[in-house]
C-alpha atoms as a PDB file:
ATOM      1  CA  UNK A   1      11.454-277.112 156.149  1.00  0.00           C
ATOM      2  CA  UNK A   2       9.843-280.127 154.449  1.00  0.00           C
ATOM      3  CA  UNK A   3       6.840-281.645 156.195  1.00  0.00           C
ATOM      4  CA  UNK A   4       8.590-285.009 156.193  1.00  0.00           C
ATOM      5  CA  UNK A   5      11.704-283.661 157.912  1.00  0.00           C
ATOM      6  CA  UNK A   6      13.210-286.481 159.944  1.00  0.00           C
ATOM      7  CA  UNK A   7      11.961-289.431 157.912  1.00  0.00           C
ATOM      8  CA  UNK A   8      14.941-291.782 157.492  1.00  0.00           C
ATOM      9  CA  UNK A   9      16.080-293.259 154.170  1.00  0.00           C
ATOM     10  CA  UNK A  10      15.390-296.786 155.475  1.00  0.00           C
ATOM     11  CA  UNK A  11      12.290-297.901 157.371  1.00  0.00           C
ATOM     12  CA  UNK A  12      11.840-301.371 158.793  1.00  0.00           C
ATOM     13  CA  UNK A  13       8.388-302.722 157.961  1.00  0.00           C
ATOM     14  CA  UNK A  14       6.863-305.084 160.518  1.00  0.00           C
ATOM     15  CA  UNK A  15       3.908-306.368 158.465  1.00  0.00           C
ATOM     16  CA  UNK A  16       3.346-310.112 158.783  1.00  0.00           C
ATOM     17  CA  UNK A  17       6.044-310.489 161.429  1.00  0.00           C
ATOM     18  CA  UNK A  18       3.261-311.466 163.850  1.00  0.00           C
ATOM     19  CA  UNK A  19       4.651-313.213 166.970  1.00  0.00           C
ATOM     20  CA  UNK A  20       8.222-312.607 165.812  1.00  0.00           C
ATOM     21  CA  UNK A  21       7.663-308.838 165.791  1.00  0.00           C
ATOM     22  CA  UNK A  22       9.717-308.168 168.930  1.00  0.00           C
ATOM     23  CA  UNK A  23      12.601-310.317 167.775  1.00  0.00           C
ATOM     24  CA  UNK A  24      12.711-308.876 164.273  1.00  0.00           C
ATOM     25  CA  UNK A  25      12.173-305.232 165.232  1.00  0.00           C
ATOM     26  CA  UNK A  26      14.879-305.581 167.892  1.00  0.00           C
ATOM     27  CA  UNK A  27      17.290-307.005 165.329  1.00  0.00           C
ATOM     28  CA  UNK A  28      16.475-304.188 162.898  1.00  0.00           C
ATOM     29  CA  UNK A  29      17.217-301.543 165.525  1.00  0.00           C
ATOM     30  CA  UNK A  30      20.444-303.311 166.486  1.00  0.00           C
ATOM     31  CA  UNK A  31      21.423-303.364 162.801  1.00  0.00           C
ATOM     32  CA  UNK A  32      20.973-299.614 162.500  1.00  0.00           C
ATOM     33  CA  UNK A  33      17.438-299.066 161.216  1.00  0.00           C
ATOM     34  CA  UNK A  34      16.018-295.887 162.694  1.00  0.00           C
ATOM     35  CA  UNK A  35      12.577-295.991 161.125  1.00  0.00           C
ATOM     36  CA  UNK A  36       9.931-298.483 162.239  1.00  0.00           C
ATOM     37  CA  UNK A  37       6.597-298.966 160.444  1.00  0.00           C
ATOM     38  CA  UNK A  38       3.685-300.756 162.105  1.00  0.00           C
ATOM     39  CA  UNK A  39      -0.101-300.527 162.545  1.00  0.00           C
ATOM     40  CA  UNK A  40      -2.652-300.863 165.299  1.00  0.00           C
ATOM     41  CA  UNK A  41      -4.842-303.438 163.554  1.00  0.00           C
ATOM     42  CA  UNK A  42      -4.151-307.136 164.083  1.00  0.00           C
ATOM     43  CA  UNK A  43      -4.708-308.217 160.488  1.00  0.00           C
ATOM     44  CA  UNK A  44      -1.008-308.075 159.621  1.00  0.00           C
ATOM     45  CA  UNK A  45       0.670-306.406 162.611  1.00  0.00           C
ATOM     46  CA  UNK A  46       1.470-306.836 166.278  1.00  0.00           C
ATOM     47  CA  UNK A  47       2.017-303.246 167.362  1.00  0.00           C
ATOM     48  CA  UNK A  48       2.476-304.041 171.059  1.00  0.00           C
ATOM     49  CA  UNK A  49       5.307-306.454 170.309  1.00  0.00           C
ATOM     50  CA  UNK A  50       6.968-303.812 168.157  1.00  0.00           C
ATOM     51  CA  UNK A  51       6.648-301.396 171.069  1.00  0.00           C
ATOM     52  CA  UNK A  52       8.362-303.905 173.350  1.00  0.00           C
ATOM     53  CA  UNK A  53      11.309-303.997 170.946  1.00  0.00           C
ATOM     54  CA  UNK A  54      11.538-300.207 170.810  1.00  0.00           C
ATOM     55  CA  UNK A  55      11.342-299.844 174.588  1.00  0.00           C
ATOM     56  CA  UNK A  56      14.051-302.455 175.094  1.00  0.00           C
ATOM     57  CA  UNK A  57      16.345-300.817 172.540  1.00  0.00           C
ATOM     58  CA  UNK A  58      15.969-297.454 174.269  1.00  0.00           C
ATOM     59  CA  UNK A  59      16.504-298.966 177.731  1.00  0.00           C
ATOM     60  CA  UNK A  60      19.622-300.787 176.543  1.00  0.00           C
ATOM     61  CA  UNK A  61      21.113-297.661 174.981  1.00  0.00           C
ATOM     62  CA  UNK A  62      20.908-298.962 171.422  1.00  0.00           C
ATOM     63  CA  UNK A  63      19.045-295.843 170.346  1.00  0.00           C
ATOM     64  CA  UNK A  64      17.464-292.737 171.836  1.00  0.00           C
ATOM     65  CA  UNK A  65      13.819-291.872 171.238  1.00  0.00           C
ATOM     66  CA  UNK A  66      14.605-288.695 169.302  1.00  0.00           C
ATOM     67  CA  UNK A  67      16.679-290.710 166.826  1.00  0.00           C
ATOM     68  CA  UNK A  68      13.678-292.817 165.823  1.00  0.00           C
ATOM     69  CA  UNK A  69      10.918-292.360 163.272  1.00  0.00           C
ATOM     70  CA  UNK A  70       8.021-294.361 164.710  1.00  0.00           C
ATOM     71  CA  UNK A  71       5.254-294.690 162.160  1.00  0.00           C
ATOM     72  CA  UNK A  72       1.936-296.409 162.747  1.00  0.00           C
ATOM     73  CA  UNK A  73      -1.440-296.465 161.056  1.00  0.00           C
ATOM     74  CA  UNK A  74      -5.107-295.849 161.630  1.00  0.00           C
ATOM     75  CA  UNK A  75      -6.919-298.645 159.796  1.00  0.00           C
ATOM     76  CA  UNK A  76     -10.488-297.810 158.728  1.00  0.00           C
ATOM     77  CA  UNK A  77     -12.985-300.547 159.502  1.00  0.00           C
ATOM     78  CA  UNK A  78     -13.998-302.733 156.584  1.00  0.00           C
ATOM     79  CA  UNK A  79     -17.244-304.688 156.490  1.00  0.00           C
ATOM     80  CA  UNK A  80     -16.575-308.397 156.623  1.00  0.00           C
ATOM     81  CA  UNK A  81     -13.458-307.976 158.749  1.00  0.00           C
ATOM     82  CA  UNK A  82     -13.329-309.079 162.383  1.00  0.00           C
ATOM     83  CA  UNK A  83     -14.173-306.094 164.641  1.00  0.00           C
ATOM     84  CA  UNK A  84     -11.911-307.460 167.380  1.00  0.00           C
ATOM     85  CA  UNK A  85      -8.876-306.952 165.144  1.00  0.00           C
ATOM     86  CA  UNK A  86      -9.296-303.178 165.319  1.00  0.00           C
ATOM     87  CA  UNK A  87      -7.966-301.133 168.258  1.00  0.00           C
ATOM     88  CA  UNK A  88     -11.248-299.248 168.664  1.00  0.00           C
ATOM     89  CA  UNK A  89     -14.968-299.702 169.003  1.00  0.00           C
ATOM     90  CA  UNK A  90     -16.126-300.102 165.408  1.00  0.00           C
ATOM     91  CA  UNK A  91     -19.607-298.827 166.346  1.00  0.00           C
ATOM     92  CA  UNK A  92     -18.218-295.476 167.563  1.00  0.00           C
ATOM     93  CA  UNK A  93     -18.151-292.312 165.446  1.00  0.00           C
ATOM     94  CA  UNK A  94     -15.061-291.565 163.409  1.00  0.00           C
ATOM     95  CA  UNK A  95     -13.524-289.086 165.876  1.00  0.00           C
ATOM     96  CA  UNK A  96     -13.827-291.616 168.681  1.00  0.00           C
ATOM     97  CA  UNK A  97     -12.391-294.382 166.515  1.00  0.00           C
ATOM     98  CA  UNK A  98      -9.326-292.292 165.713  1.00  0.00           C
ATOM     99  CA  UNK A  99      -8.991-291.243 169.359  1.00  0.00           C
ATOM    100  CA  UNK A 100      -9.080-294.828 170.609  1.00  0.00           C
ATOM    101  CA  UNK A 101      -6.657-295.968 167.909  1.00  0.00           C
ATOM    102  CA  UNK A 102      -4.128-293.222 168.668  1.00  0.00           C
ATOM    103  CA  UNK A 103      -4.345-293.848 172.411  1.00  0.00           C
ATOM    104  CA  UNK A 104      -3.862-297.566 171.840  1.00  0.00           C
ATOM    105  CA  UNK A 105      -0.825-296.951 169.620  1.00  0.00           C
ATOM    106  CA  UNK A 106       0.792-294.633 172.151  1.00  0.00           C
ATOM    107  CA  UNK A 107       0.317-297.275 174.838  1.00  0.00           C
ATOM    108  CA  UNK A 108       1.494-300.155 172.653  1.00  0.00           C
ATOM    109  CA  UNK A 109       4.554-298.293 171.406  1.00  0.00           C
ATOM    110  CA  UNK A 110       5.367-296.931 174.870  1.00  0.00           C
ATOM    111  CA  UNK A 111       5.864-293.399 173.615  1.00  0.00           C
ATOM    112  CA  UNK A 112       4.344-289.984 174.245  1.00  0.00           C
ATOM    113  CA  UNK A 113       4.236-289.043 170.556  1.00  0.00           C
ATOM    114  CA  UNK A 114       4.158-290.579 167.091  1.00  0.00           C
ATOM    115  CA  UNK A 115       6.455-289.365 164.345  1.00  0.00           C
ATOM    116  CA  UNK A 116       4.002-290.356 161.653  1.00  0.00           C
ATOM    117  CA  UNK A 117       0.360-291.456 161.623  1.00  0.00           C
ATOM    118  CA  UNK A 118      -0.749-292.998 158.344  1.00  0.00           C
ATOM    119  CA  UNK A 119      -4.304-293.547 157.140  1.00  0.00           C
ATOM    120  CA  UNK A 120      -3.952-297.203 156.175  1.00  0.00           C
ATOM    121  CA  UNK A 121      -6.424-297.068 153.284  1.00  0.00           C
ATOM    122  CA  UNK A 122      -9.297-294.912 152.060  1.00  0.00           C
ATOM    123  CA  UNK A 123     -12.758-295.445 153.509  1.00  0.00           C
ATOM    124  CA  UNK A 124     -15.504-296.864 151.283  1.00  0.00           C
ATOM    125  CA  UNK A 125     -16.702-293.306 150.577  1.00  0.00           C
ATOM    126  CA  UNK A 126     -14.780-290.111 149.918  1.00  0.00           C
ATOM    127  CA  UNK A 127     -16.844-288.386 152.603  1.00  0.00           C
ATOM    128  CA  UNK A 128     -15.688-290.968 155.127  1.00  0.00           C
ATOM    129  CA  UNK A 129     -12.089-290.637 153.990  1.00  0.00           C
ATOM    130  CA  UNK A 130     -12.102-286.862 154.429  1.00  0.00           C
ATOM    131  CA  UNK A 131     -13.785-287.110 157.830  1.00  0.00           C
ATOM    132  CA  UNK A 132     -11.236-289.672 159.006  1.00  0.00           C
ATOM    133  CA  UNK A 133      -8.272-287.602 157.856  1.00  0.00           C
ATOM    134  CA  UNK A 134      -9.766-284.521 159.523  1.00  0.00           C
ATOM    135  CA  UNK A 135     -10.051-286.476 162.781  1.00  0.00           C
ATOM    136  CA  UNK A 136      -6.378-287.413 162.500  1.00  0.00           C
ATOM    137  CA  UNK A 137      -5.410-283.758 162.031  1.00  0.00           C
ATOM    138  CA  UNK A 138      -6.532-282.993 165.589  1.00  0.00           C
ATOM    139  CA  UNK A 139      -3.437-284.795 166.931  1.00  0.00           C
ATOM    140  CA  UNK A 140      -0.907-282.620 165.099  1.00  0.00           C
ATOM    141  CA  UNK A 141       1.458-281.332 166.402  1.00  0.00           C
ATOM    142  CA  UNK A 142       1.145-282.194 170.095  1.00  0.00           C
ATOM    143  CA  UNK A 143       0.803-285.988 169.711  1.00  0.00           C
ATOM    144  CA  UNK A 144       1.656-286.664 166.060  1.00  0.00           C
ATOM    145  CA  UNK A 145       4.431-284.976 164.094  1.00  0.00           C
ATOM    146  CA  UNK A 146       3.354-285.823 160.546  1.00  0.00           C
ATOM    147  CA  UNK A 147       0.376-287.367 158.771  1.00  0.00           C
ATOM    148  CA  UNK A 148       0.289-289.590 155.730  1.00  0.00           C
ATOM    149  CA  UNK A 149      -1.833-291.937 153.658  1.00  0.00           C
ATOM    150  CA  UNK A 150      -1.402-295.420 152.220  1.00  0.00           C
ATOM    151  CA  UNK A 151      -2.948-297.320 149.320  1.00  0.00           C
ATOM    152  CA  UNK A 152      -4.454-294.134 147.834  1.00  0.00           C
ATOM    153  CA  UNK A 153      -5.061-293.492 144.156  1.00  0.00           C
ATOM    154  CA  UNK A 154      -4.455-290.039 142.694  1.00  0.00           C
ATOM    155  CA  UNK A 155      -8.042-288.690 142.810  1.00  0.00           C
ATOM    156  CA  UNK A 156      -8.425-289.623 146.476  1.00  0.00           C
ATOM    157  CA  UNK A 157      -4.986-288.284 147.385  1.00  0.00           C
ATOM    158  CA  UNK A 158      -5.737-285.023 145.597  1.00  0.00           C
ATOM    159  CA  UNK A 159      -9.092-284.666 147.382  1.00  0.00           C
ATOM    160  CA  UNK A 160      -7.496-285.215 150.784  1.00  0.00           C
ATOM    161  CA  UNK A 161      -4.649-282.826 150.008  1.00  0.00           C
ATOM    162  CA  UNK A 162      -6.990-280.055 148.880  1.00  0.00           C
ATOM    163  CA  UNK A 163      -9.250-280.419 151.921  1.00  0.00           C
ATOM    164  CA  UNK A 164      -6.521-280.884 154.508  1.00  0.00           C
ATOM    165  CA  UNK A 165      -5.382-278.267 156.980  1.00  0.00           C
ATOM    166  CA  UNK A 166      -2.410-280.486 157.808  1.00  0.00           C
ATOM    167  CA  UNK A 167      -1.124-281.614 154.435  1.00  0.00           C
ATOM    168  CA  UNK A 168       0.000-285.249 154.095  1.00  0.00           C
ATOM    169  CA  UNK A 169       3.753-285.589 154.463  1.00  0.00           C
ATOM    170  CA  UNK A 170       4.068-289.225 153.369  1.00  0.00           C
ATOM    171  CA  UNK A 171       2.409-291.537 150.849  1.00  0.00           C
ATOM    172  CA  UNK A 172       3.047-295.264 151.260  1.00  0.00           C
ATOM    173  CA  UNK A 173       1.783-297.095 148.164  1.00  0.00           C
ATOM    174  CA  UNK A 174       2.165-300.323 146.232  1.00  0.00           C
ATOM    175  CA  UNK A 175       4.933-299.917 143.671  1.00  0.00           C
ATOM    176  CA  UNK A 176       4.628-302.530 140.927  1.00  0.00           C
ATOM    177  CA  UNK A 177       4.099-302.673 137.180  1.00  0.00           C
ATOM    178  CA  UNK A 178       0.883-304.721 137.366  1.00  0.00           C
ATOM    179  CA  UNK A 179      -1.405-301.929 138.537  1.00  0.00           C
ATOM    180  CA  UNK A 180      -3.793-299.579 136.720  1.00  0.00           C
ATOM    181  CA  UNK A 181      -1.155-296.892 137.113  1.00  0.00           C
ATOM    182  CA  UNK A 182       2.169-298.790 136.637  1.00  0.00           C
ATOM    183  CA  UNK A 183       4.818-297.952 139.201  1.00  0.00           C
ATOM    184  CA  UNK A 184       2.366-295.487 140.736  1.00  0.00           C
ATOM    185  CA  UNK A 185       3.498-292.831 138.256  1.00  0.00           C
ATOM    186  CA  UNK A 186       0.657-290.376 138.739  1.00  0.00           C
ATOM    187  CA  UNK A 187       0.866-290.463 142.530  1.00  0.00           C
ATOM    188  CA  UNK A 188       4.649-290.097 142.503  1.00  0.00           C
ATOM    189  CA  UNK A 189       4.323-287.086 140.236  1.00  0.00           C
ATOM    190  CA  UNK A 190       1.778-285.518 142.584  1.00  0.00           C
ATOM    191  CA  UNK A 191       4.086-286.158 145.550  1.00  0.00           C
ATOM    192  CA  UNK A 192       6.964-284.512 143.713  1.00  0.00           C
ATOM    193  CA  UNK A 193       4.869-281.435 142.958  1.00  0.00           C
ATOM    194  CA  UNK A 194       3.554-281.096 146.524  1.00  0.00           C
ATOM    195  CA  UNK A 195       6.584-281.855 148.689  1.00  0.00           C
ATOM    196  CA  UNK A 196       5.328-285.263 149.863  1.00  0.00           C
ATOM    197  CA  UNK A 197       7.731-288.110 150.645  1.00  0.00           C
ATOM    198  CA  UNK A 198       7.027-291.420 148.939  1.00  0.00           C
ATOM    199  CA  UNK A 199       7.507-294.897 150.423  1.00  0.00           C
ATOM    200  CA  UNK A 200       7.064-297.790 147.972  1.00  0.00           C
ATOM    201  CA  UNK A 201       5.895-301.174 149.221  1.00  0.00           C
ATOM    202  CA  UNK A 202       6.207-304.415 147.285  1.00  0.00           C
ATOM    203  CA  UNK A 203       9.457-303.151 145.812  1.00  0.00           C
ATOM    204  CA  UNK A 204      11.236-306.522 145.772  1.00  0.00           C
ATOM    205  CA  UNK A 205       8.614-309.270 145.808  1.00  0.00           C
ATOM    206  CA  UNK A 206       6.329-307.309 143.497  1.00  0.00           C
ATOM    207  CA  UNK A 207       8.926-306.557 140.820  1.00  0.00           C
ATOM    208  CA  UNK A 208      10.724-309.720 139.641  1.00  0.00           C
ATOM    209  CA  UNK A 209      11.120-308.008 136.258  1.00  0.00           C
ATOM    210  CA  UNK A 210      13.469-305.541 137.962  1.00  0.00           C
ATOM    211  CA  UNK A 211      15.396-307.763 140.360  1.00  0.00           C
ATOM    212  CA  UNK A 212      15.040-311.163 138.660  1.00  0.00           C
ATOM    213  CA  UNK A 213      14.056-312.421 142.097  1.00  0.00           C
ATOM    214  CA  UNK A 214      10.824-313.754 143.501  1.00  0.00           C
ATOM    215  CA  UNK A 215      10.304-312.419 146.987  1.00  0.00           C
ATOM    216  CA  UNK A 216      12.999-311.662 149.529  1.00  0.00           C
ATOM    217  CA  UNK A 217      15.581-314.202 148.432  1.00  0.00           C
ATOM    218  CA  UNK A 218      14.342-316.865 146.028  1.00  0.00           C
ATOM    219  CA  UNK A 219      15.631-316.932 142.440  1.00  0.00           C
ATOM    220  CA  UNK A 220      12.869-316.828 139.859  1.00  0.00           C
ATOM    221  CA  UNK A 221      15.038-316.975 136.756  1.00  0.00           C
ATOM    222  CA  UNK A 222      18.435-318.559 137.303  1.00  0.00           C
ATOM    223  CA  UNK A 223      21.468-317.078 135.549  1.00  0.00           C
ATOM    224  CA  UNK A 224      19.396-314.631 133.534  1.00  0.00           C
ATOM    225  CA  UNK A 225      21.251-311.362 134.204  1.00  0.00           C
ATOM    226  CA  UNK A 226      21.394-310.583 130.493  1.00  0.00           C
ATOM    227  CA  UNK A 227      23.411-307.609 129.359  1.00  0.00           C
ATOM    228  CA  UNK A 228      21.117-304.682 128.663  1.00  0.00           C
ATOM    229  CA  UNK A 229      18.287-305.848 130.906  1.00  0.00           C
ATOM    230  CA  UNK A 230      17.250-303.782 133.893  1.00  0.00           C
ATOM    231  CA  UNK A 231      18.149-306.561 136.314  1.00  0.00           C
ATOM    232  CA  UNK A 232      21.414-307.093 134.465  1.00  0.00           C
ATOM    233  CA  UNK A 233      22.165-303.399 135.006  1.00  0.00           C
ATOM    234  CA  UNK A 234      21.321-303.675 138.705  1.00  0.00           C
ATOM    235  CA  UNK A 235      23.488-306.775 139.045  1.00  0.00           C
ATOM    236  CA  UNK A 236      26.435-305.041 137.368  1.00  0.00           C
ATOM    237  CA  UNK A 237      25.983-301.870 139.387  1.00  0.00           C
ATOM    238  CA  UNK A 238      25.774-303.967 142.539  1.00  0.00           C
ATOM    239  CA  UNK A 239      29.034-305.692 141.627  1.00  0.00           C
ATOM    240  CA  UNK A 240      30.746-302.345 141.172  1.00  0.00           C
ATOM    241  CA  UNK A 241      29.501-301.044 144.520  1.00  0.00           C
ATOM    242  CA  UNK A 242      29.862-304.341 146.373  1.00  0.00           C
ATOM    243  CA  UNK A 243      26.185-304.885 147.177  1.00  0.00           C
ATOM    244  CA  UNK A 244      23.385-307.155 145.979  1.00  0.00           C
ATOM    245  CA  UNK A 245      21.115-306.245 143.077  1.00  0.00           C
ATOM    246  CA  UNK A 246      18.308-305.761 145.614  1.00  0.00           C
ATOM    247  CA  UNK A 247      20.302-303.088 147.404  1.00  0.00           C
ATOM    248  CA  UNK A 248      21.316-301.565 144.094  1.00  0.00           C
ATOM    249  CA  UNK A 249      17.584-301.225 143.388  1.00  0.00           C
ATOM    250  CA  UNK A 250      17.022-299.636 146.808  1.00  0.00           C
ATOM    251  CA  UNK A 251      19.803-297.139 146.144  1.00  0.00           C
ATOM    252  CA  UNK A 252      18.667-296.313 142.617  1.00  0.00           C
ATOM    253  CA  UNK A 253      15.120-295.751 143.865  1.00  0.00           C
ATOM    254  CA  UNK A 254      16.402-293.203 146.370  1.00  0.00           C
ATOM    255  CA  UNK A 255      18.278-291.432 143.557  1.00  0.00           C
ATOM    256  CA  UNK A 256      15.323-291.083 141.182  1.00  0.00           C
ATOM    257  CA  UNK A 257      14.140-287.656 140.111  1.00  0.00           C
ATOM    258  CA  UNK A 258      10.844-286.871 141.805  1.00  0.00           C
ATOM    259  CA  UNK A 259       9.735-287.042 145.418  1.00  0.00           C
ATOM    260  CA  UNK A 260      12.001-287.921 148.313  1.00  0.00           C
ATOM    261  CA  UNK A 261      11.888-291.711 148.586  1.00  0.00           C
ATOM    262  CA  UNK A 262      12.320-293.733 151.768  1.00  0.00           C
ATOM    263  CA  UNK A 263      12.777-297.469 151.382  1.00  0.00           C
ATOM    264  CA  UNK A 264      10.464-299.812 153.269  1.00  0.00           C
ATOM    265  CA  UNK A 265      12.373-303.023 154.011  1.00  0.00           C
ATOM    266  CA  UNK A 266      10.564-305.884 155.722  1.00  0.00           C
ATOM    267  CA  UNK A 267      13.119-308.667 155.518  1.00  0.00           C
ATOM    268  CA  UNK A 268      12.616-311.476 158.024  1.00  0.00           C
ATOM    269  CA  UNK A 269      16.256-312.577 157.670  1.00  0.00           C
ATOM    270  CA  UNK A 270      18.320-310.995 160.436  1.00  0.00           C
ATOM    271  CA  UNK A 271      21.604-311.192 158.527  1.00  0.00           C
ATOM    272  CA  UNK A 272      20.144-309.090 155.725  1.00  0.00           C
ATOM    273  CA  UNK A 273      19.273-306.256 158.084  1.00  0.00           C
ATOM    274  CA  UNK A 274      22.902-305.377 158.745  1.00  0.00           C
ATOM    275  CA  UNK A 275      23.776-305.967 155.101  1.00  0.00           C
ATOM    276  CA  UNK A 276      21.046-303.534 154.106  1.00  0.00           C
ATOM    277  CA  UNK A 277      22.167-300.732 156.418  1.00  0.00           C
ATOM    278  CA  UNK A 278      25.834-301.223 155.531  1.00  0.00           C
ATOM    279  CA  UNK A 279      25.020-301.584 151.840  1.00  0.00           C
ATOM    280  CA  UNK A 280      23.138-298.302 151.709  1.00  0.00           C
ATOM    281  CA  UNK A 281      26.112-296.566 153.332  1.00  0.00           C
ATOM    282  CA  UNK A 282      28.402-298.169 150.755  1.00  0.00           C
ATOM    283  CA  UNK A 283      26.137-296.895 147.974  1.00  0.00           C
ATOM    284  CA  UNK A 284      26.286-293.349 149.371  1.00  0.00           C
ATOM    285  CA  UNK A 285      30.080-293.566 149.417  1.00  0.00           C
ATOM    286  CA  UNK A 286      30.130-294.860 145.844  1.00  0.00           C
ATOM    287  CA  UNK A 287      27.815-292.087 144.640  1.00  0.00           C
ATOM    288  CA  UNK A 288      30.097-289.501 146.172  1.00  0.00           C
ATOM    289  CA  UNK A 289      33.285-291.068 144.818  1.00  0.00           C
ATOM    290  CA  UNK A 290      35.360-290.553 141.690  1.00  0.00           C
ATOM    291  CA  UNK A 291      33.808-289.225 138.502  1.00  0.00           C
ATOM    292  CA  UNK A 292      33.793-292.680 136.898  1.00  0.00           C
ATOM    293  CA  UNK A 293      31.766-294.074 139.788  1.00  0.00           C
ATOM    294  CA  UNK A 294      29.328-291.182 139.794  1.00  0.00           C
ATOM    295  CA  UNK A 295      28.820-291.563 136.050  1.00  0.00           C
ATOM    296  CA  UNK A 296      28.163-295.318 136.371  1.00  0.00           C
ATOM    297  CA  UNK A 297      25.651-294.643 139.113  1.00  0.00           C
ATOM    298  CA  UNK A 298      23.865-291.925 137.186  1.00  0.00           C
ATOM    299  CA  UNK A 299      23.621-294.146 134.118  1.00  0.00           C
ATOM    300  CA  UNK A 300      22.047-296.919 136.181  1.00  0.00           C
ATOM    301  CA  UNK A 301      19.596-294.535 137.815  1.00  0.00           C
ATOM    302  CA  UNK A 302      18.709-293.120 134.397  1.00  0.00           C
ATOM    303  CA  UNK A 303      17.871-296.586 133.082  1.00  0.00           C
ATOM    304  CA  UNK A 304      15.620-297.319 136.061  1.00  0.00           C
ATOM    305  CA  UNK A 305      14.029-293.877 135.736  1.00  0.00           C
ATOM    306  CA  UNK A 306      13.122-294.629 132.151  1.00  0.00           C
ATOM    307  CA  UNK A 307      11.484-297.920 133.095  1.00  0.00           C
ATOM    308  CA  UNK A 308       9.435-296.712 136.055  1.00  0.00           C
ATOM    309  CA  UNK A 309       8.411-293.484 134.322  1.00  0.00           C
ATOM    310  CA  UNK A 310       7.388-295.336 131.166  1.00  0.00           C
ATOM    311  CA  UNK A 311      10.014-293.954 128.801  1.00  0.00           C
ATOM    312  CA  UNK A 312      11.521-297.404 128.140  1.00  0.00           C
ATOM    313  CA  UNK A 313       9.925-300.789 127.616  1.00  0.00           C
END
C-alpha cells in the first residue's frame, strides 16, 4: 500500500483566504472537495476558521470525517517574522515546538487525528531540518497518518528521506518554469522513484505560458490560443471534453508519467469550485471513453509531458 493512500486527486488550498476561510472552505466541501490544505501559522492561513468549516460540514451531514484528507503544516520559525504568528513558543526546543503546533492544529481543526502533517519549509540548517522532521515522526501513526514536506529542493529532500524512519509521503512544491530547476523536474523524478505523491502549487498563476492566463481568471494574452502552442492544445482539449483550459491542465497534470499528482486548487470564486469537481469527473469519463477520445487525451498529455520534462521548447 502506498504511503499516500487516501490522498484525494483534488485538494482545496486555503492560503490567503484569511477571514473568508470558513466561507470558502465550507463552499469547497459543499462542492465536493474532500481534501483540505491549511497551516497553523498566521502568515497566510487561518486554521481555526478552516476547522469551523470542517466541523460544520460534518455536523450537517455534508461529509463524514473518514472521507476527508485534512492536511496542515508545521511552519519552522524564521528570524524576522513575528513570533506571535506561530502556534508555539518560538523559544522552546524543536520537540516542544512541534508538540505545541500539533496540539494547536488538532484543536483548531476539531479532529483527533491529522491525515497529513507537512513541514512547511526547511529550517535554516540541514541539522535543524532533520531534527524537526524527526520530531514530527513521533506523531505517526497514532495522531498523524502521513508526513510530507513543502518547498524543498532535491538535496534537502534526499537528506530527509535517507534519515527518516517515517518516509515522506507527500511533497508540495512550487511548480513553475522560472525556478533553478524548471517545473521541479529533479524533485518530481525523485518522488516517482520513491513512491512519494506530488502536489504542485502555483500551477495556474505561476504558468501563464501554459494556460495563457494570469492568475485565477484574468486574461494575459487575449485571443492568443495559437494552433500548436501548449495553451492552444489545452484550449482545444478543453473544448473536446467540455471544460476550461485550466481544468484541462489539471487533468493532464494528473495523467503525467511520474509520481502520483494531486491538484491543489485555491480558487476564491465559489462557482469555480463546483465547476472544478464536475470538470475533473468529466475528464475521467472522457479519458475512459472511445478510442478517439483516449488518443486525443494521450496526445495532449504527451505534449505537456514534453514541456515540463524539458523535451520540448
